[in-house]
Every structure is written in C-alpha cells, then in structure tokens.
Amino acid sequence: MKTTDFQSLKDKLAQLEYPLLYMFKFVVPSDNQKIAQVSSMFGEEAQITLKESQKGNYTSLTIRVVMLSPDEIVEKYAEASHITGLIAL
C-alpha cells in the first residue's frame, strides 16, 4: 500500500467508535514462515483462523483483535506490507 492509501484508510476508520473488534484478512503463500510472520504481529489475545486454498498454494489468515484507534490499525497494515507475497484484503 502507498502512503496515500493509508491516509484514505485512516480517514474511513476514524468514523468508527473505538475500542472495536477489528477483522484483518491477509493471504500469504502457504509457507510456515510467512504465516508465522503475520501471526506474530498480533498478541495472544488475537483470534486467528487459517484456511488453506483448494490447491494448497495459499493460506488466508483471518485475525480478529480489539483495536484502540485508527492509527493502531494502520500500523498493522503498514507492518504487514513488508511481508513478501502478502495480500491484504
């Protein structure tokens, strides 16, 4: 994501009430290291669900976690954007 994309996302998120249970959705190549990289971005309180694609090439991660502000959400997306092969939905 570009910096301008983050600002647009942040503006939309600012309209919500916090704290809030937020759902992140990421797709990564089915590689334990990639999955671990994404999972490690969130604390033990996060509920993480994994689902492998039909052919097993990709794994989707659905992460539900309480977020305290739009900035906190944007920081997670910015951190995730550095993971090679990751797609944020």
PDB file of N, CA and C in Angstrom:
ATOM      1  N   MET A   1       0.839  -1.187   0.000  1.00  0.00           N
ATOM      2  CA  MET A   1       0.000   0.000   0.000  1.00  0.00           C
ATOM      3  C   MET A   1       0.874   1.237   0.000  1.00  0.00           C
ATOM      4  N   LYS A   2       0.399   2.246  -0.648  1.00  0.00           N
ATOM      5  CA  LYS A   2       1.111   3.516  -0.672  1.00  0.00           C
ATOM      6  C   LYS A   2       0.696   4.349   0.536  1.00  0.00           C
ATOM      7  N   THR A   3       1.490   5.340   0.857  1.00  0.00           N
ATOM      8  CA  THR A   3       1.198   6.207   1.983  1.00  0.00           C
ATOM      9  C   THR A   3      -0.162   6.863   1.827  1.00  0.00           C
ATOM     10  N   THR A   4      -0.509   7.275   0.617  1.00  0.00           N
ATOM     11  CA  THR A   4      -1.813   7.906   0.395  1.00  0.00           C
ATOM     12  C   THR A   4      -2.943   6.926   0.648  1.00  0.00           C
ATOM     13  N   ASP A   5      -2.729   5.640   0.345  1.00  0.00           N
ATOM     14  CA  ASP A   5      -3.731   4.625   0.641  1.00  0.00           C
ATOM     15  C   ASP A   5      -3.963   4.521   2.145  1.00  0.00           C
ATOM     16  N   PHE A   6      -2.898   4.616   2.906  1.00  0.00           N
ATOM     17  CA  PHE A   6      -3.028   4.560   4.355  1.00  0.00           C
ATOM     18  C   PHE A   6      -3.833   5.740   4.877  1.00  0.00           C
ATOM     19  N   GLN A   7      -3.640   6.917   4.298  1.00  0.00           N
ATOM     20  CA  GLN A   7      -4.383   8.091   4.763  1.00  0.00           C
ATOM     21  C   GLN A   7      -5.871   7.929   4.472  1.00  0.00           C
ATOM     22  N   SER A   8      -6.196   7.416   3.318  1.00  0.00           N
ATOM     23  CA  SER A   8      -7.590   7.176   2.956  1.00  0.00           C
ATOM     24  C   SER A   8      -8.217   6.160   3.910  1.00  0.00           C
ATOM     25  N   LEU A   9      -7.500   5.088   4.197  1.00  0.00           N
ATOM     26  CA  LEU A   9      -7.978   4.079   5.136  1.00  0.00           C
ATOM     27  C   LEU A   9      -8.157   4.683   6.521  1.00  0.00           C
ATOM     28  N   LYS A  10      -7.191   5.458   6.945  1.00  0.00           N
ATOM     29  CA  LYS A  10      -7.249   6.085   8.271  1.00  0.00           C
ATOM     30  C   LYS A  10      -8.462   7.008   8.387  1.00  0.00           C
ATOM     31  N   ASP A  11      -8.764   7.750   7.329  1.00  0.00           N
ATOM     32  CA  ASP A  11      -9.931   8.644   7.332  1.00  0.00           C
ATOM     33  C   ASP A  11     -11.223   7.851   7.492  1.00  0.00           C
ATOM     34  N   LYS A  12     -11.322   6.722   6.795  1.00  0.00           N
ATOM     35  CA  LYS A  12     -12.517   5.875   6.903  1.00  0.00           C
ATOM     36  C   LYS A  12     -12.634   5.254   8.294  1.00  0.00           C
ATOM     37  N   LEU A  13     -11.502   4.802   8.820  1.00  0.00           N
ATOM     38  CA  LEU A  13     -11.503   4.181  10.146  1.00  0.00           C
ATOM     39  C   LEU A  13     -11.825   5.177  11.257  1.00  0.00           C
ATOM     40  N   ALA A  14     -11.512   6.441  11.030  1.00  0.00           N
ATOM     41  CA  ALA A  14     -11.753   7.480  12.037  1.00  0.00           C
ATOM     42  C   ALA A  14     -13.240   7.684  12.303  1.00  0.00           C
ATOM     43  N   GLN A  15     -14.075   7.212  11.396  1.00  0.00           N
ATOM     44  CA  GLN A  15     -15.524   7.373  11.547  1.00  0.00           C
ATOM     45  C   GLN A  15     -16.133   6.321  12.481  1.00  0.00           C
ATOM     46  N   LEU A  16     -15.350   5.329  12.871  1.00  0.00           N
ATOM     47  CA  LEU A  16     -15.835   4.252  13.740  1.00  0.00           C
ATOM     48  C   LEU A  16     -15.588   4.595  15.198  1.00  0.00           C
ATOM     49  N   GLU A  17     -16.297   3.887  16.089  1.00  0.00           N
ATOM     50  CA  GLU A  17     -16.113   4.105  17.524  1.00  0.00           C
ATOM     51  C   GLU A  17     -15.117   3.087  18.074  1.00  0.00           C
ATOM     52  N   TYR A  18     -14.222   3.550  18.929  1.00  0.00           N
ATOM     53  CA  TYR A  18     -13.171   2.710  19.498  1.00  0.00           C
ATOM     54  C   TYR A  18     -13.313   2.639  20.996  1.00  0.00           C
ATOM     55  N   PRO A  19     -12.848   1.553  21.617  1.00  0.00           N
ATOM     56  CA  PRO A  19     -12.219   0.366  21.046  1.00  0.00           C
ATOM     57  C   PRO A  19     -13.231  -0.453  20.240  1.00  0.00           C
ATOM     58  N   LEU A  20     -12.706  -1.254  19.312  1.00  0.00           N
ATOM     59  CA  LEU A  20     -13.573  -2.040  18.450  1.00  0.00           C
ATOM     60  C   LEU A  20     -12.907  -3.346  18.068  1.00  0.00           C
ATOM     61  N   LEU A  21     -13.720  -4.379  17.889  1.00  0.00           N
ATOM     62  CA  LEU A  21     -13.221  -5.667  17.434  1.00  0.00           C
ATOM     63  C   LEU A  21     -13.047  -5.549  15.929  1.00  0.00           C
ATOM     64  N   TYR A  22     -11.798  -5.568  15.472  1.00  0.00           N
ATOM     65  CA  TYR A  22     -11.500  -5.360  14.058  1.00  0.00           C
ATOM     66  C   TYR A  22     -11.066  -6.686  13.439  1.00  0.00           C
ATOM     67  N   MET A  23     -11.446  -6.900  12.186  1.00  0.00           N
ATOM     68  CA  MET A  23     -11.074  -8.116  11.481  1.00  0.00           C
ATOM     69  C   MET A  23     -10.098  -7.785  10.352  1.00  0.00           C
ATOM     70  N   PHE A  24      -8.908  -8.334  10.464  1.00  0.00           N
ATOM     71  CA  PHE A  24      -7.901  -8.244   9.407  1.00  0.00           C
ATOM     72  C   PHE A  24      -8.007  -9.506   8.568  1.00  0.00           C
ATOM     73  N   LYS A  25      -7.783  -9.381   7.269  1.00  0.00           N
ATOM     74  CA  LYS A  25      -7.788 -10.544   6.378  1.00  0.00           C
ATOM     75  C   LYS A  25      -6.563 -10.435   5.478  1.00  0.00           C
ATOM     76  N   PHE A  26      -5.700 -11.450   5.556  1.00  0.00           N
ATOM     77  CA  PHE A  26      -4.489 -11.488   4.757  1.00  0.00           C
ATOM     78  C   PHE A  26      -4.409 -12.818   4.020  1.00  0.00           C
ATOM     79  N   VAL A  27      -3.770 -12.814   2.851  1.00  0.00           N
ATOM     80  CA  VAL A  27      -3.483 -14.038   2.110  1.00  0.00           C
ATOM     81  C   VAL A  27      -1.977 -14.065   1.882  1.00  0.00           C
ATOM     82  N   VAL A  28      -1.370 -15.215   2.198  1.00  0.00           N
ATOM     83  CA  VAL A  28       0.072 -15.387   2.008  1.00  0.00           C
ATOM     84  C   VAL A  28       0.325 -16.725   1.329  1.00  0.00           C
ATOM     85  N   PRO A  29       1.494 -16.877   0.686  1.00  0.00           N
ATOM     86  CA  PRO A  29       1.852 -18.201   0.181  1.00  0.00           C
ATOM     87  C   PRO A  29       1.868 -19.185   1.353  1.00  0.00           C
ATOM     88  N   SER A  30       1.466 -20.426   1.105  1.00  0.00           N
ATOM     89  CA  SER A  30       1.417 -21.437   2.174  1.00  0.00           C
ATOM     90  C   SER A  30       2.834 -21.838   2.583  1.00  0.00           C
ATOM     91  N   ASP A  31       3.409 -20.994   3.397  1.00  0.00           N
ATOM     92  CA  ASP A  31       4.776 -21.166   3.890  1.00  0.00           C
ATOM     93  C   ASP A  31       4.706 -20.859   5.382  1.00  0.00           C
ATOM     94  N   ASN A  32       5.131 -21.820   6.204  1.00  0.00           N
ATOM     95  CA  ASN A  32       5.017 -21.641   7.656  1.00  0.00           C
ATOM     96  C   ASN A  32       5.690 -20.368   8.151  1.00  0.00           C
ATOM     97  N   GLN A  33       6.781 -19.969   7.506  1.00  0.00           N
ATOM     98  CA  GLN A  33       7.490 -18.761   7.922  1.00  0.00           C
ATOM     99  C   GLN A  33       6.626 -17.518   7.665  1.00  0.00           C
ATOM    100  N   LYS A  34       5.969 -17.457   6.509  1.00  0.00           N
ATOM    101  CA  LYS A  34       5.100 -16.313   6.186  1.00  0.00           C
ATOM    102  C   LYS A  34       3.917 -16.256   7.147  1.00  0.00           C
ATOM    103  N   ILE A  35       3.323 -17.408   7.397  1.00  0.00           N
ATOM    104  CA  ILE A  35       2.183 -17.475   8.308  1.00  0.00           C
ATOM    105  C   ILE A  35       2.612 -17.023   9.705  1.00  0.00           C
ATOM    106  N   ALA A  36       3.774 -17.463  10.142  1.00  0.00           N
ATOM    107  CA  ALA A  36       4.295 -17.075  11.458  1.00  0.00           C
ATOM    108  C   ALA A  36       4.586 -15.582  11.524  1.00  0.00           C
ATOM    109  N   GLN A  37       5.098 -15.011  10.424  1.00  0.00           N
ATOM    110  CA  GLN A  37       5.375 -13.572  10.396  1.00  0.00           C
ATOM    111  C   GLN A  37       4.104 -12.770  10.630  1.00  0.00           C
ATOM    112  N   VAL A  38       3.033 -13.154   9.953  1.00  0.00           N
ATOM    113  CA  VAL A  38       1.764 -12.438  10.105  1.00  0.00           C
ATOM    114  C   VAL A  38       1.216 -12.658  11.506  1.00  0.00           C
ATOM    115  N   SER A  39       1.185 -13.896  11.950  1.00  0.00           N
ATOM    116  CA  SER A  39       0.634 -14.215  13.270  1.00  0.00           C
ATOM    117  C   SER A  39       1.368 -13.494  14.393  1.00  0.00           C
ATOM    118  N   SER A  40       2.674 -13.366  14.259  1.00  0.00           N
ATOM    119  CA  SER A  40       3.478 -12.744  15.317  1.00  0.00           C
ATOM    120  C   SER A  40       3.242 -11.236  15.445  1.00  0.00           C
ATOM    121  N   MET A  41       2.579 -10.637  14.460  1.00  0.00           N
ATOM    122  CA  MET A  41       2.282  -9.203  14.537  1.00  0.00           C
ATOM    123  C   MET A  41       1.204  -8.900  15.577  1.00  0.00           C
ATOM    124  N   PHE A  42       0.489  -9.943  16.002  1.00  0.00           N
ATOM    125  CA  PHE A  42      -0.638  -9.762  16.904  1.00  0.00           C
ATOM    126  C   PHE A  42      -0.373 -10.512  18.203  1.00  0.00           C
ATOM    127  N   GLY A  43      -0.924 -10.011  19.290  1.00  0.00           N
ATOM    128  CA  GLY A  43      -0.715 -10.625  20.596  1.00  0.00           C
ATOM    129  C   GLY A  43      -1.529 -11.898  20.774  1.00  0.00           C
ATOM    130  N   GLU A  44      -1.355 -12.508  21.939  1.00  0.00           N
ATOM    131  CA  GLU A  44      -2.055 -13.744  22.260  1.00  0.00           C
ATOM    132  C   GLU A  44      -3.566 -13.568  22.324  1.00  0.00           C
ATOM    133  N   GLU A  45      -4.017 -12.343  22.528  1.00  0.00           N
ATOM    134  CA  GLU A  45      -5.464 -12.088  22.635  1.00  0.00           C
ATOM    135  C   GLU A  45      -6.166 -12.132  21.279  1.00  0.00           C
ATOM    136  N   ALA A  46      -5.417 -12.142  20.195  1.00  0.00           N
ATOM    137  CA  ALA A  46      -6.000 -12.166  18.855  1.00  0.00           C
ATOM    138  C   ALA A  46      -6.521 -13.565  18.529  1.00  0.00           C
ATOM    139  N   GLN A  47      -7.673 -13.595  17.884  1.00  0.00           N
ATOM    140  CA  GLN A  47      -8.242 -14.853  17.410  1.00  0.00           C
ATOM    141  C   GLN A  47      -7.836 -14.991  15.945  1.00  0.00           C
ATOM    142  N   ILE A  48      -7.036 -16.016  15.647  1.00  0.00           N
ATOM    143  CA  ILE A  48      -6.506 -16.202  14.297  1.00  0.00           C
ATOM    144  C   ILE A  48      -7.065 -17.495  13.712  1.00  0.00           C
ATOM    145  N   THR A  49      -7.658 -17.373  12.524  1.00  0.00           N
ATOM    146  CA  THR A  49      -8.198 -18.521  11.808  1.00  0.00           C
ATOM    147  C   THR A  49      -7.442 -18.671  10.496  1.00  0.00           C
ATOM    148  N   LEU A  50      -6.975 -19.876  10.219  1.00  0.00           N
ATOM    149  CA  LEU A  50      -6.250 -20.165   8.981  1.00  0.00           C
ATOM    150  C   LEU A  50      -7.121 -21.010   8.064  1.00  0.00           C
ATOM    151  N   LYS A  51      -7.034 -20.733   6.763  1.00  0.00           N
ATOM    152  CA  LYS A  51      -7.744 -21.548   5.777  1.00  0.00           C
ATOM    153  C   LYS A  51      -6.856 -21.663   4.548  1.00  0.00           C
ATOM    154  N   GLU A  52      -6.540 -22.903   4.185  1.00  0.00           N
ATOM    155  CA  GLU A  52      -5.683 -23.149   3.033  1.00  0.00           C
ATOM    156  C   GLU A  52      -6.521 -23.128   1.758  1.00  0.00           C
ATOM    157  N   SER A  53      -5.930 -22.647   0.657  1.00  0.00           N
ATOM    158  CA  SER A  53      -6.624 -22.628  -0.633  1.00  0.00           C
ATOM    159  C   SER A  53      -6.836 -24.058  -1.125  1.00  0.00           C
ATOM    160  N   GLN A  54      -7.683 -24.206  -2.112  1.00  0.00           N
ATOM    161  CA  GLN A  54      -8.031 -25.528  -2.623  1.00  0.00           C
ATOM    162  C   GLN A  54      -6.803 -26.321  -3.075  1.00  0.00           C
ATOM    163  N   LYS A  55      -5.895 -25.670  -3.758  1.00  0.00           N
ATOM    164  CA  LYS A  55      -4.675 -26.344  -4.237  1.00  0.00           C
ATOM    165  C   LYS A  55      -3.563 -26.338  -3.191  1.00  0.00           C
ATOM    166  N   GLY A  56      -3.751 -25.604  -2.098  1.00  0.00           N
ATOM    167  CA  GLY A  56      -2.758 -25.568  -1.037  1.00  0.00           C
ATOM    168  C   GLY A  56      -1.614 -24.604  -1.261  1.00  0.00           C
ATOM    169  N   ASN A  57      -1.729 -23.769  -2.290  1.00  0.00           N
ATOM    170  CA  ASN A  57      -0.652 -22.822  -2.580  1.00  0.00           C
ATOM    171  C   ASN A  57      -0.677 -21.592  -1.686  1.00  0.00           C
ATOM    172  N   TYR A  58      -1.850 -21.235  -1.188  1.00  0.00           N
ATOM    173  CA  TYR A  58      -2.014 -20.023  -0.388  1.00  0.00           C
ATOM    174  C   TYR A  58      -2.788 -20.339   0.882  1.00  0.00           C
ATOM    175  N   THR A  59      -2.553 -19.503   1.883  1.00  0.00           N
ATOM    176  CA  THR A  59      -3.278 -19.612   3.138  1.00  0.00           C
ATOM    177  C   THR A  59      -3.849 -18.250   3.474  1.00  0.00           C
ATOM    178  N   SER A  60      -5.143 -18.226   3.829  1.00  0.00           N
ATOM    179  CA  SER A  60      -5.739 -16.963   4.271  1.00  0.00           C
ATOM    180  C   SER A  60      -5.743 -16.956   5.800  1.00  0.00           C
ATOM    181  N   LEU A  61      -5.477 -15.797   6.332  1.00  0.00           N
ATOM    182  CA  LEU A  61      -5.496 -15.600   7.779  1.00  0.00           C
ATOM    183  C   LEU A  61      -6.554 -14.562   8.086  1.00  0.00           C
ATOM    184  N   THR A  62      -7.492 -14.933   8.934  1.00  0.00           N
ATOM    185  CA  THR A  62      -8.494 -14.001   9.428  1.00  0.00           C
ATOM    186  C   THR A  62      -8.143 -13.756  10.883  1.00  0.00           C
ATOM    187  N   ILE A  63      -7.908 -12.502  11.217  1.00  0.00           N
ATOM    188  CA  ILE A  63      -7.461 -12.142  12.558  1.00  0.00           C
ATOM    189  C   ILE A  63      -8.453 -11.170  13.158  1.00  0.00           C
ATOM    190  N   ARG A  64      -9.027 -11.555  14.272  1.00  0.00           N
ATOM    191  CA  ARG A  64      -9.961 -10.688  14.993  1.00  0.00           C
ATOM    192  C   ARG A  64      -9.284 -10.260  16.287  1.00  0.00           C
ATOM    193  N   VAL A  65      -9.193  -8.947  16.452  1.00  0.00           N
ATOM    194  CA  VAL A  65      -8.493  -8.413  17.621  1.00  0.00           C
ATOM    195  C   VAL A  65      -9.074  -7.039  17.961  1.00  0.00           C
ATOM    196  N   VAL A  66      -9.071  -6.704  19.235  1.00  0.00           N
ATOM    197  CA  VAL A  66      -9.557  -5.393  19.670  1.00  0.00           C
ATOM    198  C   VAL A  66      -8.504  -4.342  19.345  1.00  0.00           C
ATOM    199  N   MET A  67      -8.939  -3.302  18.643  1.00  0.00           N
ATOM    200  CA  MET A  67      -8.066  -2.197  18.279  1.00  0.00           C
ATOM    201  C   MET A  67      -8.552  -0.941  18.998  1.00  0.00           C
ATOM    202  N   LEU A  68      -7.614  -0.119  19.413  1.00  0.00           N
ATOM    203  CA  LEU A  68      -7.947   1.057  20.214  1.00  0.00           C
ATOM    204  C   LEU A  68      -8.063   2.347  19.419  1.00  0.00           C
ATOM    205  N   SER A  69      -7.524   2.365  18.179  1.00  0.00           N
ATOM    206  CA  SER A  69      -7.554   3.595  17.390  1.00  0.00           C
ATOM    207  C   SER A  69      -7.305   3.289  15.918  1.00  0.00           C
ATOM    208  N   PRO A  70      -7.664   4.227  15.039  1.00  0.00           N
ATOM    209  CA  PRO A  70      -7.351   4.055  13.614  1.00  0.00           C
ATOM    210  C   PRO A  70      -5.845   3.937  13.374  1.00  0.00           C
ATOM    211  N   ASP A  71      -5.059   4.671  14.138  1.00  0.00           N
ATOM    212  CA  ASP A  71      -3.597   4.630  13.987  1.00  0.00           C
ATOM    213  C   ASP A  71      -3.056   3.220  14.232  1.00  0.00           C
ATOM    214  N   GLU A  72      -3.612   2.555  15.229  1.00  0.00           N
ATOM    215  CA  GLU A  72      -3.163   1.213  15.568  1.00  0.00           C
ATOM    216  C   GLU A  72      -3.452   0.239  14.409  1.00  0.00           C
ATOM    217  N   ILE A  73      -4.597   0.380  13.767  1.00  0.00           N
ATOM    218  CA  ILE A  73      -4.962  -0.474  12.633  1.00  0.00           C
ATOM    219  C   ILE A  73      -4.032  -0.208  11.451  1.00  0.00           C
ATOM    220  N   VAL A  74      -3.823   1.060  11.142  1.00  0.00           N
ATOM    221  CA  VAL A  74      -2.958   1.430  10.021  1.00  0.00           C
ATOM    222  C   VAL A  74      -1.531   0.929  10.256  1.00  0.00           C
ATOM    223  N   GLU A  75      -1.065   0.981  11.497  1.00  0.00           N
ATOM    224  CA  GLU A  75       0.281   0.484  11.817  1.00  0.00           C
ATOM    225  C   GLU A  75       0.409  -1.003  11.495  1.00  0.00           C
ATOM    226  N   LYS A  76      -0.635  -1.774  11.772  1.00  0.00           N
ATOM    227  CA  LYS A  76      -0.607  -3.214  11.468  1.00  0.00           C
ATOM    228  C   LYS A  76      -0.538  -3.447   9.955  1.00  0.00           C
ATOM    229  N   TYR A  77      -1.336  -2.692   9.193  1.00  0.00           N
ATOM    230  CA  TYR A  77      -1.284  -2.829   7.738  1.00  0.00           C
ATOM    231  C   TYR A  77       0.080  -2.416   7.196  1.00  0.00           C
ATOM    232  N   ALA A  78       0.669  -1.365   7.751  1.00  0.00           N
ATOM    233  CA  ALA A  78       1.991  -0.912   7.312  1.00  0.00           C
ATOM    234  C   ALA A  78       3.045  -1.975   7.616  1.00  0.00           C
ATOM    235  N   GLU A  79       2.963  -2.570   8.794  1.00  0.00           N
ATOM    236  CA  GLU A  79       3.897  -3.628   9.178  1.00  0.00           C
ATOM    237  C   GLU A  79       3.741  -4.843   8.253  1.00  0.00           C
ATOM    238  N   ALA A  80       2.501  -5.202   7.950  1.00  0.00           N
ATOM    239  CA  ALA A  80       2.227  -6.364   7.092  1.00  0.00           C
ATOM    240  C   ALA A  80       2.691  -6.129   5.663  1.00  0.00           C
ATOM    241  N   SER A  81       2.697  -4.893   5.216  1.00  0.00           N
ATOM    242  CA  SER A  81       3.057  -4.598   3.825  1.00  0.00           C
ATOM    243  C   SER A  81       4.511  -4.945   3.510  1.00  0.00           C
ATOM    244  N   HIS A  82       5.327  -5.175   4.536  1.00  0.00           N
ATOM    245  CA  HIS A  82       6.735  -5.520   4.338  1.00  0.00           C
ATOM    246  C   HIS A  82       6.948  -7.031   4.166  1.00  0.00           C
ATOM    247  N   ILE A  83       5.872  -7.818   4.283  1.00  0.00           N
ATOM    248  CA  ILE A  83       5.979  -9.270   4.145  1.00  0.00           C
ATOM    249  C   ILE A  83       5.812  -9.620   2.660  1.00  0.00           C
ATOM    250  N   THR A  84       6.830 -10.205   2.082  1.00  0.00           N
ATOM    251  CA  THR A  84       6.828 -10.551   0.658  1.00  0.00           C
ATOM    252  C   THR A  84       5.724 -11.544   0.348  1.00  0.00           C
ATOM    253  N   GLY A  85       4.945 -11.235  -0.683  1.00  0.00           N
ATOM    254  CA  GLY A  85       3.889 -12.134  -1.134  1.00  0.00           C
ATOM    255  C   GLY A  85       2.562 -11.961  -0.430  1.00  0.00           C
ATOM    256  N   LEU A  86       2.498 -11.088   0.569  1.00  0.00           N
ATOM    257  CA  LEU A  86       1.261 -10.883   1.331  1.00  0.00           C
ATOM    258  C   LEU A  86       0.280 -10.030   0.559  1.00  0.00           C
ATOM    259  N   ILE A  87      -0.991 -10.411   0.617  1.00  0.00           N
ATOM    260  CA  ILE A  87      -2.073  -9.626   0.055  1.00  0.00           C
ATOM    261  C   ILE A  87      -3.012  -9.272   1.200  1.00  0.00           C
ATOM    262  N   ALA A  88      -3.277  -8.000   1.393  1.00  0.00           N
ATOM    263  CA  ALA A  88      -4.212  -7.550   2.426  1.00  0.00           C
ATOM    264  C   ALA A  88      -5.571  -7.328   1.768  1.00  0.00           C
ATOM    265  N   LEU A  89      -6.591  -7.926   2.356  1.00  0.00           N
ATOM    266  CA  LEU A  89      -7.944  -7.777   1.818  1.00  0.00           C
ATOM    267  C   LEU A  89      -8.761  -6.845   2.686  1.00  0.00           C
TER     268      LEU A  89
END
